[in-house]
């Protein structure tokens, strides 16, 4: 009996047993990225003279609406660029 016939299936089993151990850090980095977006939104709101989370959308000044749009763009960028990244 050839040893390659014995060890080839063993190699496949070992390789497949490591697959579930691959971890993606994309969700973790996505959370960190979103935190950065929120921090920038807080700074933007402070520059507009209001506190983040206390302004009604109907009464928001134009500067705050711009902050909201920038925060949305930042979070969308996080989703597209960071979420799919795997960790080796």
PDB file of N, CA and C in Angstrom:
ATOM      1  N   UNK A   1       0.846  -1.176   0.000  1.00  0.00           N
ATOM      2  CA  UNK A   1       0.000   0.000   0.000  1.00  0.00           C
ATOM      3  C   UNK A   1       0.896   1.246   0.000  1.00  0.00           C
ATOM      4  N   UNK A   2       0.531   2.196  -0.832  1.00  0.00           N
ATOM      5  CA  UNK A   2       1.326   3.419  -0.937  1.00  0.00           C
ATOM      6  C   UNK A   2       0.960   4.366   0.195  1.00  0.00           C
ATOM      7  N   UNK A   3       1.956   5.015   0.740  1.00  0.00           N
ATOM      8  CA  UNK A   3       1.727   5.944   1.854  1.00  0.00           C
ATOM      9  C   UNK A   3       0.939   7.180   1.418  1.00  0.00           C
ATOM     10  N   UNK A   4       1.063   7.578   0.163  1.00  0.00           N
ATOM     11  CA  UNK A   4       0.323   8.764  -0.292  1.00  0.00           C
ATOM     12  C   UNK A   4      -1.179   8.527  -0.260  1.00  0.00           C
ATOM     13  N   UNK A   5      -1.586   7.287  -0.479  1.00  0.00           N
ATOM     14  CA  UNK A   5      -3.014   6.987  -0.413  1.00  0.00           C
ATOM     15  C   UNK A   5      -3.522   7.026   1.025  1.00  0.00           C
ATOM     16  N   UNK A   6      -2.666   6.781   1.956  1.00  0.00           N
ATOM     17  CA  UNK A   6      -3.056   6.805   3.366  1.00  0.00           C
ATOM     18  C   UNK A   6      -3.058   8.240   3.889  1.00  0.00           C
ATOM     19  N   UNK A   7      -2.010   8.995   3.541  1.00  0.00           N
ATOM     20  CA  UNK A   7      -1.868  10.327   4.116  1.00  0.00           C
ATOM     21  C   UNK A   7      -2.616  11.419   3.371  1.00  0.00           C
ATOM     22  N   UNK A   8      -2.965  11.197   2.110  1.00  0.00           N
ATOM     23  CA  UNK A   8      -3.702  12.225   1.365  1.00  0.00           C
ATOM     24  C   UNK A   8      -5.051  12.527   2.017  1.00  0.00           C
ATOM     25  N   UNK A   9      -5.886  11.540   2.349  1.00  0.00           N
ATOM     26  CA  UNK A   9      -7.139  11.857   3.038  1.00  0.00           C
ATOM     27  C   UNK A   9      -6.917  12.494   4.405  1.00  0.00           C
ATOM     28  N   UNK A  10      -5.860  12.097   5.076  1.00  0.00           N
ATOM     29  CA  UNK A  10      -5.545  12.691   6.376  1.00  0.00           C
ATOM     30  C   UNK A  10      -5.230  14.182   6.228  1.00  0.00           C
ATOM     31  N   UNK A  11      -4.496  14.521   5.157  1.00  0.00           N
ATOM     32  CA  UNK A  11      -4.182  15.931   4.903  1.00  0.00           C
ATOM     33  C   UNK A  11      -5.423  16.749   4.617  1.00  0.00           C
ATOM     34  N   UNK A  12      -6.361  16.164   3.886  1.00  0.00           N
ATOM     35  CA  UNK A  12      -7.620  16.854   3.590  1.00  0.00           C
ATOM     36  C   UNK A  12      -8.419  17.073   4.870  1.00  0.00           C
ATOM     37  N   UNK A  13      -8.450  16.085   5.732  1.00  0.00           N
ATOM     38  CA  UNK A  13      -9.178  16.209   7.005  1.00  0.00           C
ATOM     39  C   UNK A  13      -8.568  17.297   7.869  1.00  0.00           C
ATOM     40  N   UNK A  14      -7.240  17.328   7.932  1.00  0.00           N
ATOM     41  CA  UNK A  14      -6.563  18.357   8.727  1.00  0.00           C
ATOM     42  C   UNK A  14      -6.839  19.743   8.149  1.00  0.00           C
ATOM     43  N   UNK A  15      -6.790  19.864   6.829  1.00  0.00           N
ATOM     44  CA  UNK A  15      -7.049  21.163   6.202  1.00  0.00           C
ATOM     45  C   UNK A  15      -8.486  21.622   6.459  1.00  0.00           C
ATOM     46  N   UNK A  16      -9.432  20.736   6.345  1.00  0.00           N
ATOM     47  CA  UNK A  16     -10.830  21.109   6.568  1.00  0.00           C
ATOM     48  C   UNK A  16     -11.127  21.386   8.031  1.00  0.00           C
ATOM     49  N   UNK A  17     -10.383  20.771   8.931  1.00  0.00           N
ATOM     50  CA  UNK A  17     -10.644  21.008  10.349  1.00  0.00           C
ATOM     51  C   UNK A  17     -10.212  22.399  10.784  1.00  0.00           C
ATOM     52  N   UNK A  18      -9.359  23.046  10.007  1.00  0.00           N
ATOM     53  CA  UNK A  18      -8.923  24.402  10.354  1.00  0.00           C
ATOM     54  C   UNK A  18      -9.846  25.466   9.789  1.00  0.00           C
ATOM     55  N   UNK A  19     -10.705  25.134   8.849  1.00  0.00           N
ATOM     56  CA  UNK A  19     -11.581  26.122   8.213  1.00  0.00           C
ATOM     57  C   UNK A  19     -12.503  26.813   9.212  1.00  0.00           C
ATOM     58  N   UNK A  20     -13.168  26.108  10.143  1.00  0.00           N
ATOM     59  CA  UNK A  20     -14.043  26.815  11.072  1.00  0.00           C
ATOM     60  C   UNK A  20     -13.306  27.785  11.999  1.00  0.00           C
ATOM     61  N   UNK A  21     -11.992  27.655  12.072  1.00  0.00           N
ATOM     62  CA  UNK A  21     -11.237  28.523  12.967  1.00  0.00           C
ATOM     63  C   UNK A  21     -10.890  29.863  12.336  1.00  0.00           C
ATOM     64  N   UNK A  22     -11.178  30.032  11.048  1.00  0.00           N
ATOM     65  CA  UNK A  22     -10.929  31.310  10.389  1.00  0.00           C
ATOM     66  C   UNK A  22     -11.941  32.319  10.921  1.00  0.00           C
ATOM     67  N   UNK A  23     -11.449  33.440  11.385  1.00  0.00           N
ATOM     68  CA  UNK A  23     -12.310  34.456  11.995  1.00  0.00           C
ATOM     69  C   UNK A  23     -12.247  35.715  11.144  1.00  0.00           C
ATOM     70  N   UNK A  24     -13.369  36.352  10.978  1.00  0.00           N
ATOM     71  CA  UNK A  24     -13.391  37.620  10.282  1.00  0.00           C
ATOM     72  C   UNK A  24     -13.506  38.737  11.305  1.00  0.00           C
ATOM     73  N   UNK A  25     -12.593  39.669  11.246  1.00  0.00           N
ATOM     74  CA  UNK A  25     -12.631  40.813  12.145  1.00  0.00           C
ATOM     75  C   UNK A  25     -13.380  41.972  11.518  1.00  0.00           C
ATOM     76  N   UNK A  26     -13.939  41.762  10.341  1.00  0.00           N
ATOM     77  CA  UNK A  26     -14.696  42.822   9.691  1.00  0.00           C
ATOM     78  C   UNK A  26     -15.753  43.434  10.591  1.00  0.00           C
ATOM     79  N   UNK A  27     -16.584  42.620  11.272  1.00  0.00           N
ATOM     80  CA  UNK A  27     -17.592  43.211  12.157  1.00  0.00           C
ATOM     81  C   UNK A  27     -16.992  44.010  13.311  1.00  0.00           C
ATOM     82  N   UNK A  28     -15.870  43.571  13.833  1.00  0.00           N
ATOM     83  CA  UNK A  28     -15.225  44.314  14.926  1.00  0.00           C
ATOM     84  C   UNK A  28     -14.686  45.645  14.407  1.00  0.00           C
ATOM     85  N   UNK A  29     -13.993  45.599  13.285  1.00  0.00           N
ATOM     86  CA  UNK A  29     -13.473  46.833  12.701  1.00  0.00           C
ATOM     87  C   UNK A  29     -14.604  47.758  12.257  1.00  0.00           C
ATOM     88  N   UNK A  30     -15.714  47.167  11.830  1.00  0.00           N
ATOM     89  CA  UNK A  30     -16.877  47.968  11.441  1.00  0.00           C
ATOM     90  C   UNK A  30     -17.412  48.749  12.639  1.00  0.00           C
ATOM     91  N   UNK A  31     -17.483  48.112  13.785  1.00  0.00           N
ATOM     92  CA  UNK A  31     -17.921  48.805  15.003  1.00  0.00           C
ATOM     93  C   UNK A  31     -16.977  49.923  15.389  1.00  0.00           C
ATOM     94  N   UNK A  32     -15.686  49.693  15.238  1.00  0.00           N
ATOM     95  CA  UNK A  32     -14.693  50.729  15.543  1.00  0.00           C
ATOM     96  C   UNK A  32     -14.829  51.887  14.558  1.00  0.00           C
ATOM     97  N   UNK A  33     -15.046  51.551  13.292  1.00  0.00           N
ATOM     98  CA  UNK A  33     -15.216  52.590  12.270  1.00  0.00           C
ATOM     99  C   UNK A  33     -16.466  53.424  12.553  1.00  0.00           C
ATOM    100  N   UNK A  34     -17.571  52.766  12.928  1.00  0.00           N
ATOM    101  CA  UNK A  34     -18.798  53.492  13.249  1.00  0.00           C
ATOM    102  C   UNK A  34     -18.602  54.397  14.461  1.00  0.00           C
ATOM    103  N   UNK A  35     -17.842  53.941  15.429  1.00  0.00           N
ATOM    104  CA  UNK A  35     -17.544  54.777  16.591  1.00  0.00           C
ATOM    105  C   UNK A  35     -16.793  56.031  16.172  1.00  0.00           C
ATOM    106  N   UNK A  36     -15.873  55.875  15.230  1.00  0.00           N
ATOM    107  CA  UNK A  36     -15.156  57.042  14.707  1.00  0.00           C
ATOM    108  C   UNK A  36     -16.095  58.002  13.999  1.00  0.00           C
ATOM    109  N   UNK A  37     -17.041  57.449  13.229  1.00  0.00           N
ATOM    110  CA  UNK A  37     -18.027  58.304  12.546  1.00  0.00           C
ATOM    111  C   UNK A  37     -18.877  59.060  13.562  1.00  0.00           C
ATOM    112  N   UNK A  38     -19.298  58.378  14.602  1.00  0.00           N
ATOM    113  CA  UNK A  38     -20.107  59.031  15.634  1.00  0.00           C
ATOM    114  C   UNK A  38     -19.319  60.105  16.374  1.00  0.00           C
ATOM    115  N   UNK A  39     -18.042  59.841  16.621  1.00  0.00           N
ATOM    116  CA  UNK A  39     -17.203  60.851  17.283  1.00  0.00           C
ATOM    117  C   UNK A  39     -17.085  62.100  16.429  1.00  0.00           C
ATOM    118  N   UNK A  40     -16.910  61.900  15.132  1.00  0.00           N
ATOM    119  CA  UNK A  40     -16.843  63.059  14.232  1.00  0.00           C
ATOM    120  C   UNK A  40     -18.171  63.797  14.176  1.00  0.00           C
ATOM    121  N   UNK A  41     -19.279  63.077  14.258  1.00  0.00           N
ATOM    122  CA  UNK A  41     -20.591  63.724  14.265  1.00  0.00           C
ATOM    123  C   UNK A  41     -20.773  64.564  15.524  1.00  0.00           C
ATOM    124  N   UNK A  42     -20.306  64.076  16.654  1.00  0.00           N
ATOM    125  CA  UNK A  42     -20.385  64.840  17.906  1.00  0.00           C
ATOM    126  C   UNK A  42     -19.591  66.128  17.774  1.00  0.00           C
ATOM    127  N   UNK A  43     -18.407  66.048  17.188  1.00  0.00           N
ATOM    128  CA  UNK A  43     -17.572  67.239  16.989  1.00  0.00           C
ATOM    129  C   UNK A  43     -18.263  68.207  16.025  1.00  0.00           C
ATOM    130  N   UNK A  44     -18.862  67.666  14.978  1.00  0.00           N
ATOM    131  CA  UNK A  44     -19.565  68.510  14.004  1.00  0.00           C
ATOM    132  C   UNK A  44     -20.753  69.227  14.659  1.00  0.00           C
ATOM    133  N   UNK A  45     -21.505  68.494  15.457  1.00  0.00           N
ATOM    134  CA  UNK A  45     -22.637  69.098  16.166  1.00  0.00           C
ATOM    135  C   UNK A  45     -22.156  70.192  17.121  1.00  0.00           C
ATOM    136  N   UNK A  46     -21.077  69.918  17.848  1.00  0.00           N
ATOM    137  CA  UNK A  46     -20.541  70.911  18.784  1.00  0.00           C
ATOM    138  C   UNK A  46     -20.113  72.172  18.041  1.00  0.00           C
ATOM    139  N   UNK A  47     -19.547  71.999  16.849  1.00  0.00           N
ATOM    140  CA  UNK A  47     -19.165  73.161  16.049  1.00  0.00           C
ATOM    141  C   UNK A  47     -20.402  73.949  15.607  1.00  0.00           C
ATOM    142  N   UNK A  48     -21.535  73.246  15.468  1.00  0.00           N
ATOM    143  CA  UNK A  48     -22.788  73.922  15.116  1.00  0.00           C
ATOM    144  C   UNK A  48     -23.501  74.509  16.319  1.00  0.00           C
ATOM    145  N   UNK A  49     -22.960  74.283  17.514  1.00  0.00           N
ATOM    146  CA  UNK A  49     -23.524  74.872  18.730  1.00  0.00           C
ATOM    147  C   UNK A  49     -24.633  74.063  19.372  1.00  0.00           C
ATOM    148  N   UNK A  50     -24.773  72.788  19.016  1.00  0.00           N
ATOM    149  CA  UNK A  50     -25.802  71.948  19.622  1.00  0.00           C
ATOM    150  C   UNK A  50     -25.177  70.649  20.127  1.00  0.00           C
ATOM    151  N   UNK A  51     -25.957  69.939  20.916  1.00  0.00           N
ATOM    152  CA  UNK A  51     -25.499  68.668  21.473  1.00  0.00           C
ATOM    153  C   UNK A  51     -26.014  67.543  20.591  1.00  0.00           C
ATOM    154  N   UNK A  52     -25.143  66.614  20.272  1.00  0.00           N
ATOM    155  CA  UNK A  52     -25.487  65.481  19.416  1.00  0.00           C
ATOM    156  C   UNK A  52     -26.641  64.692  20.021  1.00  0.00           C
ATOM    157  N   UNK A  53     -27.663  64.433  19.218  1.00  0.00           N
ATOM    158  CA  UNK A  53     -28.801  63.642  19.666  1.00  0.00           C
ATOM    159  C   UNK A  53     -29.933  64.432  20.289  1.00  0.00           C
ATOM    160  N   UNK A  54     -29.830  65.752  20.339  1.00  0.00           N
ATOM    161  CA  UNK A  54     -30.873  66.544  20.989  1.00  0.00           C
ATOM    162  C   UNK A  54     -31.648  67.428  20.013  1.00  0.00           C
ATOM    163  N   UNK A  55     -31.395  67.307  18.733  1.00  0.00           N
ATOM    164  CA  UNK A  55     -32.022  68.178  17.739  1.00  0.00           C
ATOM    165  C   UNK A  55     -33.061  67.382  16.965  1.00  0.00           C
ATOM    166  N   UNK A  56     -34.257  67.935  16.846  1.00  0.00           N
ATOM    167  CA  UNK A  56     -35.290  67.317  16.017  1.00  0.00           C
ATOM    168  C   UNK A  56     -34.985  67.591  14.555  1.00  0.00           C
ATOM    169  N   UNK A  57     -35.227  66.616  13.708  1.00  0.00           N
ATOM    170  CA  UNK A  57     -34.909  66.768  12.284  1.00  0.00           C
ATOM    171  C   UNK A  57     -35.682  67.913  11.647  1.00  0.00           C
ATOM    172  N   UNK A  58     -36.907  68.130  12.096  1.00  0.00           N
ATOM    173  CA  UNK A  58     -37.737  69.178  11.489  1.00  0.00           C
ATOM    174  C   UNK A  58     -37.225  70.576  11.821  1.00  0.00           C
ATOM    175  N   UNK A  59     -36.559  70.733  12.945  1.00  0.00           N
ATOM    176  CA  UNK A  59     -36.097  72.058  13.362  1.00  0.00           C
ATOM    177  C   UNK A  59     -34.584  72.219  13.257  1.00  0.00           C
ATOM    178  N   UNK A  60     -33.910  71.267  12.638  1.00  0.00           N
ATOM    179  CA  UNK A  60     -32.445  71.301  12.585  1.00  0.00           C
ATOM    180  C   UNK A  60     -31.953  72.369  11.617  1.00  0.00           C
ATOM    181  N   UNK A  61     -30.934  73.113  12.034  1.00  0.00           N
ATOM    182  CA  UNK A  61     -30.336  74.072  11.100  1.00  0.00           C
ATOM    183  C   UNK A  61     -29.577  73.336   9.984  1.00  0.00           C
ATOM    184  N   UNK A  62     -29.245  74.059   8.945  1.00  0.00           N
ATOM    185  CA  UNK A  62     -28.579  73.465   7.784  1.00  0.00           C
ATOM    186  C   UNK A  62     -27.241  72.825   8.149  1.00  0.00           C
ATOM    187  N   UNK A  63     -26.519  73.419   9.092  1.00  0.00           N
ATOM    188  CA  UNK A  63     -25.222  72.851   9.491  1.00  0.00           C
ATOM    189  C   UNK A  63     -25.393  71.467  10.107  1.00  0.00           C
ATOM    190  N   UNK A  64     -26.445  71.280  10.879  1.00  0.00           N
ATOM    191  CA  UNK A  64     -26.691  69.986  11.516  1.00  0.00           C
ATOM    192  C   UNK A  64     -27.145  68.967  10.478  1.00  0.00           C
ATOM    193  N   UNK A  65     -27.929  69.391   9.505  1.00  0.00           N
ATOM    194  CA  UNK A  65     -28.313  68.487   8.426  1.00  0.00           C
ATOM    195  C   UNK A  65     -27.088  68.035   7.632  1.00  0.00           C
ATOM    196  N   UNK A  66     -26.131  68.937   7.468  1.00  0.00           N
ATOM    197  CA  UNK A  66     -24.886  68.572   6.797  1.00  0.00           C
ATOM    198  C   UNK A  66     -24.093  67.566   7.640  1.00  0.00           C
ATOM    199  N   UNK A  67     -24.118  67.753   8.954  1.00  0.00           N
ATOM    200  CA  UNK A  67     -23.454  66.790   9.858  1.00  0.00           C
ATOM    201  C   UNK A  67     -24.101  65.411   9.728  1.00  0.00           C
ATOM    202  N   UNK A  68     -25.426  65.377   9.667  1.00  0.00           N
ATOM    203  CA  UNK A  68     -26.140  64.105   9.521  1.00  0.00           C
ATOM    204  C   UNK A  68     -25.780  63.415   8.208  1.00  0.00           C
ATOM    205  N   UNK A  69     -25.715  64.194   7.143  1.00  0.00           N
ATOM    206  CA  UNK A  69     -25.373  63.625   5.838  1.00  0.00           C
ATOM    207  C   UNK A  69     -23.940  63.092   5.840  1.00  0.00           C
ATOM    208  N   UNK A  70     -23.039  63.830   6.458  1.00  0.00           N
ATOM    209  CA  UNK A  70     -21.643  63.382   6.531  1.00  0.00           C
ATOM    210  C   UNK A  70     -21.519  62.112   7.363  1.00  0.00           C
ATOM    211  N   UNK A  71     -22.276  62.029   8.456  1.00  0.00           N
ATOM    212  CA  UNK A  71     -22.241  60.830   9.284  1.00  0.00           C
ATOM    213  C   UNK A  71     -22.781  59.627   8.509  1.00  0.00           C
ATOM    214  N   UNK A  72     -23.849  59.814   7.767  1.00  0.00           N
ATOM    215  CA  UNK A  72     -24.402  58.732   6.955  1.00  0.00           C
ATOM    216  C   UNK A  72     -23.417  58.260   5.901  1.00  0.00           C
ATOM    217  N   UNK A  73     -22.734  59.194   5.257  1.00  0.00           N
ATOM    218  CA  UNK A  73     -21.725  58.834   4.252  1.00  0.00           C
ATOM    219  C   UNK A  73     -20.558  58.089   4.883  1.00  0.00           C
ATOM    220  N   UNK A  74     -20.150  58.534   6.063  1.00  0.00           N
ATOM    221  CA  UNK A  74     -19.049  57.886   6.783  1.00  0.00           C
ATOM    222  C   UNK A  74     -19.419  56.443   7.133  1.00  0.00           C
ATOM    223  N   UNK A  75     -20.630  56.240   7.631  1.00  0.00           N
ATOM    224  CA  UNK A  75     -21.050  54.886   8.010  1.00  0.00           C
ATOM    225  C   UNK A  75     -21.218  53.992   6.792  1.00  0.00           C
ATOM    226  N   UNK A  76     -21.681  54.553   5.691  1.00  0.00           N
ATOM    227  CA  UNK A  76     -21.791  53.767   4.462  1.00  0.00           C
ATOM    228  C   UNK A  76     -20.412  53.365   3.956  1.00  0.00           C
ATOM    229  N   UNK A  77     -19.451  54.264   4.083  1.00  0.00           N
ATOM    230  CA  UNK A  77     -18.085  53.956   3.685  1.00  0.00           C
ATOM    231  C   UNK A  77     -17.503  52.853   4.560  1.00  0.00           C
ATOM    232  N   UNK A  78     -17.821  52.883   5.850  1.00  0.00           N
ATOM    233  CA  UNK A  78     -17.382  51.810   6.752  1.00  0.00           C
ATOM    234  C   UNK A  78     -17.936  50.466   6.304  1.00  0.00           C
ATOM    235  N   UNK A  79     -19.203  50.453   5.948  1.00  0.00           N
ATOM    236  CA  UNK A  79     -19.849  49.193   5.554  1.00  0.00           C
ATOM    237  C   UNK A  79     -19.224  48.619   4.294  1.00  0.00           C
ATOM    238  N   UNK A  80     -18.877  49.474   3.359  1.00  0.00           N
ATOM    239  CA  UNK A  80     -18.351  49.001   2.082  1.00  0.00           C
ATOM    240  C   UNK A  80     -16.880  48.602   2.188  1.00  0.00           C
ATOM    241  N   UNK A  81     -16.094  49.343   2.944  1.00  0.00           N
ATOM    242  CA  UNK A  81     -14.653  49.109   2.948  1.00  0.00           C
ATOM    243  C   UNK A  81     -14.185  48.205   4.081  1.00  0.00           C
ATOM    244  N   UNK A  82     -14.794  48.267   5.245  1.00  0.00           N
ATOM    245  CA  UNK A  82     -14.257  47.574   6.408  1.00  0.00           C
ATOM    246  C   UNK A  82     -14.970  46.260   6.682  1.00  0.00           C
ATOM    247  N   UNK A  83     -16.249  46.203   6.508  1.00  0.00           N
ATOM    248  CA  UNK A  83     -17.026  45.017   6.877  1.00  0.00           C
ATOM    249  C   UNK A  83     -16.562  43.742   6.176  1.00  0.00           C
ATOM    250  N   UNK A  84     -16.216  43.773   4.892  1.00  0.00           N
ATOM    251  CA  UNK A  84     -15.811  42.520   4.239  1.00  0.00           C
ATOM    252  C   UNK A  84     -14.398  42.060   4.543  1.00  0.00           C
ATOM    253  N   UNK A  85     -13.609  42.823   5.286  1.00  0.00           N
ATOM    254  CA  UNK A  85     -12.209  42.459   5.513  1.00  0.00           C
ATOM    255  C   UNK A  85     -12.077  41.238   6.435  1.00  0.00           C
ATOM    256  N   UNK A  86     -11.347  40.227   5.983  1.00  0.00           N
ATOM    257  CA  UNK A  86     -11.098  39.076   6.869  1.00  0.00           C
ATOM    258  C   UNK A  86      -9.796  39.283   7.651  1.00  0.00           C
ATOM    259  N   UNK A  87      -9.655  38.535   8.701  1.00  0.00           N
ATOM    260  CA  UNK A  87      -8.400  38.512   9.449  1.00  0.00           C
ATOM    261  C   UNK A  87      -7.767  37.153   9.234  1.00  0.00           C
ATOM    262  N   UNK A  88      -6.523  37.128   8.809  1.00  0.00           N
ATOM    263  CA  UNK A  88      -5.880  35.837   8.540  1.00  0.00           C
ATOM    264  C   UNK A  88      -5.665  35.029   9.809  1.00  0.00           C
TER     265      UNK A  88
END
